[in-house]
Amino acid sequence: MVRLHTDDLSVGYGEKLILQNLNIEIPDKKITTIIGSNGCGKSTLLKTMARIISQQSGSIILDGENIAKQKTKELAKKIAILPQTPESISGLTVGELVSYGRFPYQKGIGKLTKKDYEVIDWALNVTGTSDYKYRPVDALSGGQRQRVWIAMALAQETEIIFLDEPTTYLDMAHQLEVLTLLEKLNKEQHRTIIMVLHDLNQAARFADYLIALKEGKIIKAGDCEEVIKPEVLKTVFNIDAYIGRDPRTKKPMCVTYDIIKGVE
């Protein structure tokens, strides 16, 4: 089933096109990961699909309706986005930050209701951040802070969550912690997760569907067996990759690689 898709989507800054005529279908209730080299348009695609930036042409369709025509608060009840380097107001507590996720449901002066507080506590509990509720966000470690931001996204109660490089600046253990949490949200709560990742093996391990971009165009889209292949990685990253099998998950993994010299 597909609820979210693009039709001939093109995005640019000034006269320079970043994305060109993309037709993408996002599998519902699955984890989709966008991969590609720096500057290929991964973050631009994510932000455009979340209506953070505008497209030059084409459309993004959610539940049969162009998102450009949907009211902001109503759209915010369907999709949440966690940017690459989220910034909170200095001195804000964890509970206060997570409460911002309830904005789409607030009316009038925006006073939180009993339901709002219940959802906030639920989001903190699911992400394992309840113990931090009254602590300043600034006082948390990178991994803790990232889980708090995910809790804020969960507090929006959306079925679709966009994340732009959610493991950036985290060590290996915290990266795994965040990705395992996202996998749990997908499996247990059927959230549709769309994220950008740099690590190919993490992408293969956690994604149900992969989109490989190069210079604003889709080189290959499909499951990890279709995308994590030497010929695809050669085109996307200009590398000669040796693909093996993860001994635990049995999924394909990039064991080692060399840069292909003299190829643009």
C-alpha atoms as a PDB file:
ATOM      1  CA  MET A   1       0.000   0.000   0.000  1.00  0.00           C
ATOM      2  CA  VAL A   2       1.206   3.510  -0.855  1.00  0.00           C
ATOM      3  CA  ARG A   3      -0.154   6.634   0.831  1.00  0.00           C
ATOM      4  CA  LEU A   4       2.683   8.961  -0.081  1.00  0.00           C
ATOM      5  CA  HIS A   5       4.171   9.437  -3.532  1.00  0.00           C
ATOM      6  CA  THR A   6       5.673  12.077  -5.822  1.00  0.00           C
ATOM      7  CA  ASP A   7       4.784  12.892  -9.410  1.00  0.00           C
ATOM      8  CA  ASP A   8       7.563  14.348 -11.606  1.00  0.00           C
ATOM      9  CA  LEU A   9       9.020  16.190  -8.618  1.00  0.00           C
ATOM     10  CA  SER A  10      11.708  18.775  -9.405  1.00  0.00           C
ATOM     11  CA  VAL A  11      13.360  21.022  -6.820  1.00  0.00           C
ATOM     12  CA  GLY A  12      16.013  23.663  -7.221  1.00  0.00           C
ATOM     13  CA  TYR A  13      17.671  26.704  -5.750  1.00  0.00           C
ATOM     14  CA  GLY A  14      17.622  29.579  -8.199  1.00  0.00           C
ATOM     15  CA  GLU A  15      18.329  28.187 -11.647  1.00  0.00           C
ATOM     16  CA  LYS A  16      20.112  25.078 -10.372  1.00  0.00           C
ATOM     17  CA  LEU A  17      18.015  21.906 -10.244  1.00  0.00           C
ATOM     18  CA  ILE A  18      18.755  19.633  -7.278  1.00  0.00           C
ATOM     19  CA  LEU A  19      16.057  17.017  -7.939  1.00  0.00           C
ATOM     20  CA  GLN A  20      14.836  16.189 -11.410  1.00  0.00           C
ATOM     21  CA  ASN A  21      11.453  14.663 -12.288  1.00  0.00           C
ATOM     22  CA  LEU A  22      11.367  12.163  -9.441  1.00  0.00           C
ATOM     23  CA  ASN A  23       8.563   9.632  -9.245  1.00  0.00           C
ATOM     24  CA  ILE A  24       8.757   7.938  -5.848  1.00  0.00           C
ATOM     25  CA  GLU A  25       6.372   5.658  -4.005  1.00  0.00           C
ATOM     26  CA  ILE A  26       6.894   5.317  -0.251  1.00  0.00           C
ATOM     27  CA  PRO A  27       5.732   1.933   1.089  1.00  0.00           C
ATOM     28  CA  ASP A  28       3.253   2.421   3.912  1.00  0.00           C
ATOM     29  CA  LYS A  29       4.155   1.199   7.408  1.00  0.00           C
ATOM     30  CA  LYS A  30       7.700   0.362   6.301  1.00  0.00           C
ATOM     31  CA  ILE A  31      11.159   1.867   6.831  1.00  0.00           C
ATOM     32  CA  THR A  32      12.453   3.687   3.757  1.00  0.00           C
ATOM     33  CA  THR A  33      16.047   4.925   3.669  1.00  0.00           C
ATOM     34  CA  ILE A  34      17.533   7.391   1.179  1.00  0.00           C
ATOM     35  CA  ILE A  35      21.216   6.912   0.368  1.00  0.00           C
ATOM     36  CA  GLY A  36      23.673   8.745  -1.847  1.00  0.00           C
ATOM     37  CA  SER A  37      26.826  10.856  -1.820  1.00  0.00           C
ATOM     38  CA  ASN A  38      27.067  14.313  -0.286  1.00  0.00           C
ATOM     39  CA  GLY A  39      25.174  16.926  -2.266  1.00  0.00           C
ATOM     40  CA  CYS A  40      23.102  14.444  -4.280  1.00  0.00           C
ATOM     41  CA  GLY A  41      19.794  15.810  -2.974  1.00  0.00           C
ATOM     42  CA  LYS A  42      18.933  13.431  -0.104  1.00  0.00           C
ATOM     43  CA  SER A  43      18.079  16.113   2.464  1.00  0.00           C
ATOM     44  CA  THR A  44      16.394  18.253  -0.181  1.00  0.00           C
ATOM     45  CA  LEU A  45      14.116  15.353  -1.096  1.00  0.00           C
ATOM     46  CA  LEU A  46      13.265  14.691   2.547  1.00  0.00           C
ATOM     47  CA  LYS A  47      12.487  18.354   3.285  1.00  0.00           C
ATOM     48  CA  THR A  48      10.412  18.741   0.138  1.00  0.00           C
ATOM     49  CA  MET A  49       8.310  15.682   0.889  1.00  0.00           C
ATOM     50  CA  ALA A  50       7.721  17.076   4.381  1.00  0.00           C
ATOM     51  CA  ARG A  51       6.795  20.487   2.886  1.00  0.00           C
ATOM     52  CA  ILE A  52       9.678  22.274   4.567  1.00  0.00           C
ATOM     53  CA  ILE A  53      10.848  23.598   1.205  1.00  0.00           C
ATOM     54  CA  SER A  54       8.872  24.099  -2.008  1.00  0.00           C
ATOM     55  CA  GLN A  55       9.268  22.293  -5.288  1.00  0.00           C
ATOM     56  CA  GLN A  56       9.684  23.989  -8.664  1.00  0.00           C
ATOM     57  CA  SER A  57       7.383  21.556 -10.416  1.00  0.00           C
ATOM     58  CA  GLY A  58       5.566  18.302  -9.887  1.00  0.00           C
ATOM     59  CA  SER A  59       3.601  17.302  -6.825  1.00  0.00           C
ATOM     60  CA  ILE A  60       3.693  15.331  -3.577  1.00  0.00           C
ATOM     61  CA  ILE A  61       0.552  13.342  -2.926  1.00  0.00           C
ATOM     62  CA  LEU A  62      -0.524  12.142   0.522  1.00  0.00           C
ATOM     63  CA  ASP A  63      -3.757  10.198   0.882  1.00  0.00           C
ATOM     64  CA  GLY A  64      -4.785  11.243  -2.626  1.00  0.00           C
ATOM     65  CA  GLU A  65      -4.337  14.968  -2.004  1.00  0.00           C
ATOM     66  CA  ASN A  66      -1.538  17.353  -2.956  1.00  0.00           C
ATOM     67  CA  ILE A  67       0.219  18.345   0.287  1.00  0.00           C
ATOM     68  CA  ALA A  68       0.625  21.890  -1.036  1.00  0.00           C
ATOM     69  CA  LYS A  69      -3.137  22.301  -0.678  1.00  0.00           C
ATOM     70  CA  GLN A  70      -3.405  20.830   2.817  1.00  0.00           C
ATOM     71  CA  LYS A  71      -3.671  23.070   5.868  1.00  0.00           C
ATOM     72  CA  THR A  72      -0.492  23.210   7.925  1.00  0.00           C
ATOM     73  CA  LYS A  73      -2.014  21.992  11.193  1.00  0.00           C
ATOM     74  CA  GLU A  74      -3.840  19.150   9.467  1.00  0.00           C
ATOM     75  CA  LEU A  75      -0.677  18.098   7.650  1.00  0.00           C
ATOM     76  CA  ALA A  76       1.233  18.213  10.951  1.00  0.00           C
ATOM     77  CA  LYS A  77      -1.182  15.587  12.268  1.00  0.00           C
ATOM     78  CA  LYS A  78      -0.061  13.257   9.481  1.00  0.00           C
ATOM     79  CA  ILE A  79       3.690  13.854   9.170  1.00  0.00           C
ATOM     80  CA  ALA A  80       6.485  14.820  11.560  1.00  0.00           C
ATOM     81  CA  ILE A  81      10.076  15.668  10.668  1.00  0.00           C
ATOM     82  CA  LEU A  82      13.272  15.520  12.688  1.00  0.00           C
ATOM     83  CA  PRO A  83      15.876  17.730  10.976  1.00  0.00           C
ATOM     84  CA  GLN A  84      19.568  16.909  10.728  1.00  0.00           C
ATOM     85  CA  THR A  85      20.730  19.243  13.500  1.00  0.00           C
ATOM     86  CA  PRO A  86      17.672  20.197  15.572  1.00  0.00           C
ATOM     87  CA  GLU A  87      18.126  23.100  17.944  1.00  0.00           C
ATOM     88  CA  SER A  88      16.118  23.727  21.086  1.00  0.00           C
ATOM     89  CA  ILE A  89      15.754  26.907  23.072  1.00  0.00           C
ATOM     90  CA  SER A  90      18.448  27.094  25.746  1.00  0.00           C
ATOM     91  CA  GLY A  91      17.183  26.074  29.170  1.00  0.00           C
ATOM     92  CA  LEU A  92      14.204  24.128  27.856  1.00  0.00           C
ATOM     93  CA  THR A  93      13.414  20.963  29.785  1.00  0.00           C
ATOM     94  CA  VAL A  94      12.828  17.630  28.100  1.00  0.00           C
ATOM     95  CA  GLY A  95       9.135  17.660  28.975  1.00  0.00           C
ATOM     96  CA  GLU A  96       8.729  21.169  27.574  1.00  0.00           C
ATOM     97  CA  LEU A  97      10.437  20.232  24.319  1.00  0.00           C
ATOM     98  CA  VAL A  98       8.326  17.121  23.848  1.00  0.00           C
ATOM     99  CA  SER A  99       5.184  19.160  24.538  1.00  0.00           C
ATOM    100  CA  TYR A 100       5.879  21.123  21.335  1.00  0.00           C
ATOM    101  CA  GLY A 101       4.793  18.025  19.470  1.00  0.00           C
ATOM    102  CA  ARG A 102       1.237  18.713  20.617  1.00  0.00           C
ATOM    103  CA  PHE A 103       1.064  22.036  18.757  1.00  0.00           C
ATOM    104  CA  PRO A 104      -1.122  20.729  15.889  1.00  0.00           C
ATOM    105  CA  TYR A 105      -3.822  19.758  18.383  1.00  0.00           C
ATOM    106  CA  GLN A 106      -3.908  22.962  20.399  1.00  0.00           C
ATOM    107  CA  LYS A 107      -6.649  25.547  20.080  1.00  0.00           C
ATOM    108  CA  GLY A 108      -6.977  29.110  21.265  1.00  0.00           C
ATOM    109  CA  ILE A 109      -4.193  30.077  23.687  1.00  0.00           C
ATOM    110  CA  GLY A 110      -2.671  26.629  23.377  1.00  0.00           C
ATOM    111  CA  LYS A 111      -3.148  25.289  26.908  1.00  0.00           C
ATOM    112  CA  LEU A 112      -2.206  21.631  27.211  1.00  0.00           C
ATOM    113  CA  THR A 113      -5.063  19.258  27.953  1.00  0.00           C
ATOM    114  CA  LYS A 114      -5.145  16.066  29.987  1.00  0.00           C
ATOM    115  CA  LYS A 115      -4.898  14.128  26.697  1.00  0.00           C
ATOM    116  CA  ASP A 116      -1.814  16.172  25.722  1.00  0.00           C
ATOM    117  CA  TYR A 117      -0.044  15.324  28.985  1.00  0.00           C
ATOM    118  CA  GLU A 118      -0.934  11.646  28.575  1.00  0.00           C
ATOM    119  CA  VAL A 119       0.548  11.585  25.064  1.00  0.00           C
ATOM    120  CA  ILE A 120       3.694  13.419  26.222  1.00  0.00           C
ATOM    121  CA  ASP A 121       4.254  10.889  29.006  1.00  0.00           C
ATOM    122  CA  TRP A 122       3.605   8.034  26.582  1.00  0.00           C
ATOM    123  CA  ALA A 123       6.177   9.419  24.089  1.00  0.00           C
ATOM    124  CA  LEU A 124       8.756   9.811  26.863  1.00  0.00           C
ATOM    125  CA  ASN A 125       8.106   6.273  28.045  1.00  0.00           C
ATOM    126  CA  VAL A 126       8.323   4.694  24.584  1.00  0.00           C
ATOM    127  CA  THR A 127      11.658   6.404  23.885  1.00  0.00           C
ATOM    128  CA  GLY A 128      13.061   5.616  27.330  1.00  0.00           C
ATOM    129  CA  THR A 129      13.410   9.279  28.267  1.00  0.00           C
ATOM    130  CA  SER A 130      10.916   9.556  31.146  1.00  0.00           C
ATOM    131  CA  ASP A 131      13.727   9.938  33.675  1.00  0.00           C
ATOM    132  CA  TYR A 132      14.898  13.080  31.867  1.00  0.00           C
ATOM    133  CA  LYS A 133      11.514  14.835  31.844  1.00  0.00           C
ATOM    134  CA  TYR A 134      12.557  17.683  34.143  1.00  0.00           C
ATOM    135  CA  ARG A 135      16.182  17.916  33.032  1.00  0.00           C
ATOM    136  CA  PRO A 136      17.426  20.605  30.628  1.00  0.00           C
ATOM    137  CA  VAL A 137      17.845  19.291  27.097  1.00  0.00           C
ATOM    138  CA  ASP A 138      21.269  20.976  27.024  1.00  0.00           C
ATOM    139  CA  ALA A 139      22.456  18.695  29.854  1.00  0.00           C
ATOM    140  CA  LEU A 140      21.843  15.461  27.916  1.00  0.00           C
ATOM    141  CA  SER A 141      24.284  13.390  25.893  1.00  0.00           C
ATOM    142  CA  GLY A 142      23.958  13.222  22.114  1.00  0.00           C
ATOM    143  CA  GLY A 143      22.157   9.887  22.175  1.00  0.00           C
ATOM    144  CA  GLN A 144      19.785  10.981  24.927  1.00  0.00           C
ATOM    145  CA  ARG A 145      19.027  14.229  23.129  1.00  0.00           C
ATOM    146  CA  GLN A 146      18.272  12.428  19.889  1.00  0.00           C
ATOM    147  CA  ARG A 147      15.798  10.133  21.640  1.00  0.00           C
ATOM    148  CA  VAL A 148      14.104  13.192  23.153  1.00  0.00           C
ATOM    149  CA  TRP A 149      13.702  14.732  19.701  1.00  0.00           C
ATOM    150  CA  ILE A 150      12.158  11.479  18.503  1.00  0.00           C
ATOM    151  CA  ALA A 151       9.810  11.634  21.501  1.00  0.00           C
ATOM    152  CA  MET A 152       8.719  15.100  20.360  1.00  0.00           C
ATOM    153  CA  ALA A 153       7.997  13.719  16.890  1.00  0.00           C
ATOM    154  CA  LEU A 154       6.016  10.864  18.446  1.00  0.00           C
ATOM    155  CA  ALA A 155       4.002  13.336  20.511  1.00  0.00           C
ATOM    156  CA  GLN A 156       2.601  14.645  17.225  1.00  0.00           C
ATOM    157  CA  GLU A 157       0.886  11.263  16.877  1.00  0.00           C
ATOM    158  CA  THR A 158       1.656  11.090  13.175  1.00  0.00           C
ATOM    159  CA  GLU A 159       1.745   7.900  11.179  1.00  0.00           C
ATOM    160  CA  ILE A 160       4.655   9.165   9.042  1.00  0.00           C
ATOM    161  CA  ILE A 161       8.005  10.335  10.464  1.00  0.00           C
ATOM    162  CA  PHE A 162      10.843  11.879   8.441  1.00  0.00           C
ATOM    163  CA  LEU A 163      14.369  11.871   9.900  1.00  0.00           C
ATOM    164  CA  ASP A 164      17.379  13.548   8.310  1.00  0.00           C
ATOM    165  CA  GLU A 165      20.517  11.642   9.337  1.00  0.00           C
ATOM    166  CA  PRO A 166      19.275  10.750  12.842  1.00  0.00           C
ATOM    167  CA  THR A 167      22.609   9.111  13.744  1.00  0.00           C
ATOM    168  CA  THR A 168      24.841  12.097  12.920  1.00  0.00           C
ATOM    169  CA  TYR A 169      27.427  12.903  15.632  1.00  0.00           C
ATOM    170  CA  LEU A 170      26.522   9.774  17.617  1.00  0.00           C
ATOM    171  CA  ASP A 171      28.960   7.012  18.535  1.00  0.00           C
ATOM    172  CA  MET A 172      28.350   3.445  17.356  1.00  0.00           C
ATOM    173  CA  ALA A 173      26.359   2.365  20.418  1.00  0.00           C
ATOM    174  CA  HIS A 174      24.081   5.395  20.324  1.00  0.00           C
ATOM    175  CA  GLN A 175      23.589   5.027  16.575  1.00  0.00           C
ATOM    176  CA  LEU A 176      22.393   1.476  17.097  1.00  0.00           C
ATOM    177  CA  GLU A 177      20.210   2.587  19.991  1.00  0.00           C
ATOM    178  CA  VAL A 178      18.414   5.195  17.855  1.00  0.00           C
ATOM    179  CA  LEU A 179      17.976   2.915  14.840  1.00  0.00           C
ATOM    180  CA  THR A 180      16.699   0.063  17.005  1.00  0.00           C
ATOM    181  CA  LEU A 181      14.166   2.459  18.523  1.00  0.00           C
ATOM    182  CA  LEU A 182      12.962   3.504  15.060  1.00  0.00           C
ATOM    183  CA  GLU A 183      12.697  -0.154  14.042  1.00  0.00           C
ATOM    184  CA  LYS A 184      10.636  -0.844  17.156  1.00  0.00           C
ATOM    185  CA  LEU A 185       8.299   2.067  16.387  1.00  0.00           C
ATOM    186  CA  ASN A 186       7.835   0.708  12.888  1.00  0.00           C
ATOM    187  CA  LYS A 187       7.245  -2.910  13.898  1.00  0.00           C
ATOM    188  CA  GLU A 188       5.113  -2.356  16.996  1.00  0.00           C
ATOM    189  CA  GLN A 189       3.253   0.843  16.131  1.00  0.00           C
ATOM    190  CA  HIS A 190       3.307   0.580  12.333  1.00  0.00           C
ATOM    191  CA  ARG A 191       4.855   4.021  11.846  1.00  0.00           C
ATOM    192  CA  THR A 192       6.064   4.796   8.351  1.00  0.00           C
ATOM    193  CA  ILE A 193       9.691   5.861   8.712  1.00  0.00           C
ATOM    194  CA  ILE A 194      11.546   7.770   5.973  1.00  0.00           C
ATOM    195  CA  MET A 195      15.141   8.671   6.765  1.00  0.00           C
ATOM    196  CA  VAL A 196      18.459   9.675   5.292  1.00  0.00           C
ATOM    197  CA  LEU A 197      21.481   7.565   6.303  1.00  0.00           C
ATOM    198  CA  HIS A 198      25.129   7.656   5.258  1.00  0.00           C
ATOM    199  CA  ASP A 199      26.096   4.226   6.559  1.00  0.00           C
ATOM    200  CA  LEU A 200      25.272   1.635   3.884  1.00  0.00           C
ATOM    201  CA  ASN A 201      25.311  -1.307   6.277  1.00  0.00           C
ATOM    202  CA  GLN A 202      22.936   0.409   8.676  1.00  0.00           C
ATOM    203  CA  ALA A 203      20.670   1.203   5.734  1.00  0.00           C
ATOM    204  CA  ALA A 204      20.702  -2.429   4.594  1.00  0.00           C
ATOM    205  CA  ARG A 205      20.108  -3.712   8.112  1.00  0.00           C
ATOM    206  CA  PHE A 206      17.181  -1.499   9.089  1.00  0.00           C
ATOM    207  CA  ALA A 207      15.435  -0.480   5.860  1.00  0.00           C
ATOM    208  CA  ASP A 208      12.673  -2.346   4.073  1.00  0.00           C
ATOM    209  CA  TYR A 209      13.048  -0.088   1.042  1.00  0.00           C
ATOM    210  CA  LEU A 210      16.040   1.872  -0.252  1.00  0.00           C
ATOM    211  CA  ILE A 211      16.240   4.830  -2.630  1.00  0.00           C
ATOM    212  CA  ALA A 212      19.692   5.466  -4.113  1.00  0.00           C
ATOM    213  CA  LEU A 213      20.214   8.982  -5.486  1.00  0.00           C
ATOM    214  CA  LYS A 214      22.913  10.538  -7.614  1.00  0.00           C
ATOM    215  CA  GLU A 215      22.872  14.141  -8.806  1.00  0.00           C
ATOM    216  CA  GLY A 216      19.173  14.474  -8.084  1.00  0.00           C
ATOM    217  CA  LYS A 217      18.112  11.352  -9.949  1.00  0.00           C
ATOM    218  CA  ILE A 218      17.065   7.904  -8.767  1.00  0.00           C
ATOM    219  CA  ILE A 219      19.643   5.304  -9.730  1.00  0.00           C
ATOM    220  CA  LYS A 220      17.877   2.396  -8.047  1.00  0.00           C
ATOM    221  CA  ALA A 221      14.980   1.853  -5.666  1.00  0.00           C
ATOM    222  CA  GLY A 222      13.959  -1.404  -4.039  1.00  0.00           C
ATOM    223  CA  ASP A 223      14.802  -3.692  -1.146  1.00  0.00           C
ATOM    224  CA  CYS A 224      18.374  -4.085   0.108  1.00  0.00           C
ATOM    225  CA  GLU A 225      18.980  -7.096  -2.142  1.00  0.00           C
ATOM    226  CA  GLU A 226      18.282  -4.928  -5.183  1.00  0.00           C
ATOM    227  CA  VAL A 227      20.158  -1.805  -4.079  1.00  0.00           C
ATOM    228  CA  ILE A 228      23.188  -2.990  -2.097  1.00  0.00           C
ATOM    229  CA  LYS A 229      24.907  -4.411  -5.168  1.00  0.00           C
ATOM    230  CA  PRO A 230      28.357  -3.643  -6.621  1.00  0.00           C
ATOM    231  CA  GLU A 231      27.029  -2.153  -9.859  1.00  0.00           C
ATOM    232  CA  VAL A 232      24.601   0.157  -8.052  1.00  0.00           C
ATOM    233  CA  LEU A 233      27.210   1.340  -5.541  1.00  0.00           C
ATOM    234  CA  LYS A 234      29.670   1.899  -8.370  1.00  0.00           C
ATOM    235  CA  THR A 235      27.248   4.259 -10.085  1.00  0.00           C
ATOM    236  CA  VAL A 236      26.083   6.030  -6.919  1.00  0.00           C
ATOM    237  CA  PHE A 237      29.351   6.366  -4.982  1.00  0.00           C
ATOM    238  CA  ASN A 238      32.074   5.653  -7.554  1.00  0.00           C
ATOM    239  CA  ILE A 239      33.371   2.742  -5.486  1.00  0.00           C
ATOM    240  CA  ASP A 240      34.338  -0.837  -6.194  1.00  0.00           C
ATOM    241  CA  ALA A 241      32.498  -2.583  -3.371  1.00  0.00           C
ATOM    242  CA  TYR A 242      32.799  -6.148  -2.149  1.00  0.00           C
ATOM    243  CA  ILE A 243      29.390  -7.279  -0.914  1.00  0.00           C
ATOM    244  CA  GLY A 244      29.106 -10.036   1.661  1.00  0.00           C
ATOM    245  CA  ARG A 245      26.457 -11.152   4.138  1.00  0.00           C
ATOM    246  CA  ASP A 246      25.817  -9.901   7.640  1.00  0.00           C
ATOM    247  CA  PRO A 247      26.279 -13.062   9.747  1.00  0.00           C
ATOM    248  CA  ARG A 248      23.461 -12.021  12.080  1.00  0.00           C
ATOM    249  CA  THR A 249      20.801 -10.585   9.777  1.00  0.00           C
ATOM    250  CA  LYS A 250      21.853 -12.420   6.584  1.00  0.00           C
ATOM    251  CA  LYS A 251      21.337  -9.175   4.696  1.00  0.00           C
ATOM    252  CA  PRO A 252      23.885  -7.858   2.182  1.00  0.00           C
ATOM    253  CA  MET A 253      26.639  -5.690   3.591  1.00  0.00           C
ATOM    254  CA  CYS A 254      29.549  -3.732   2.180  1.00  0.00           C
ATOM    255  CA  VAL A 255      32.594  -5.578   3.534  1.00  0.00           C
ATOM    256  CA  THR A 256      35.204  -3.370   1.918  1.00  0.00           C
ATOM    257  CA  TYR A 257      35.603  -1.037  -1.053  1.00  0.00           C
ATOM    258  CA  ASP A 258      38.054   0.968  -3.126  1.00  0.00           C
ATOM    259  CA  ILE A 259      37.591   4.259  -4.918  1.00  0.00           C
ATOM    260  CA  ILE A 260      37.431   3.885  -8.668  1.00  0.00           C
ATOM    261  CA  LYS A 261      39.992   6.334  -9.991  1.00  0.00           C
ATOM    262  CA  GLY A 262      39.562   8.264 -13.180  1.00  0.00           C
ATOM    263  CA  VAL A 263      35.748   7.852 -13.225  1.00  0.00           C
ATOM    264  CA  GLU A 264      33.412  10.775 -12.707  1.00  0.00           C
END
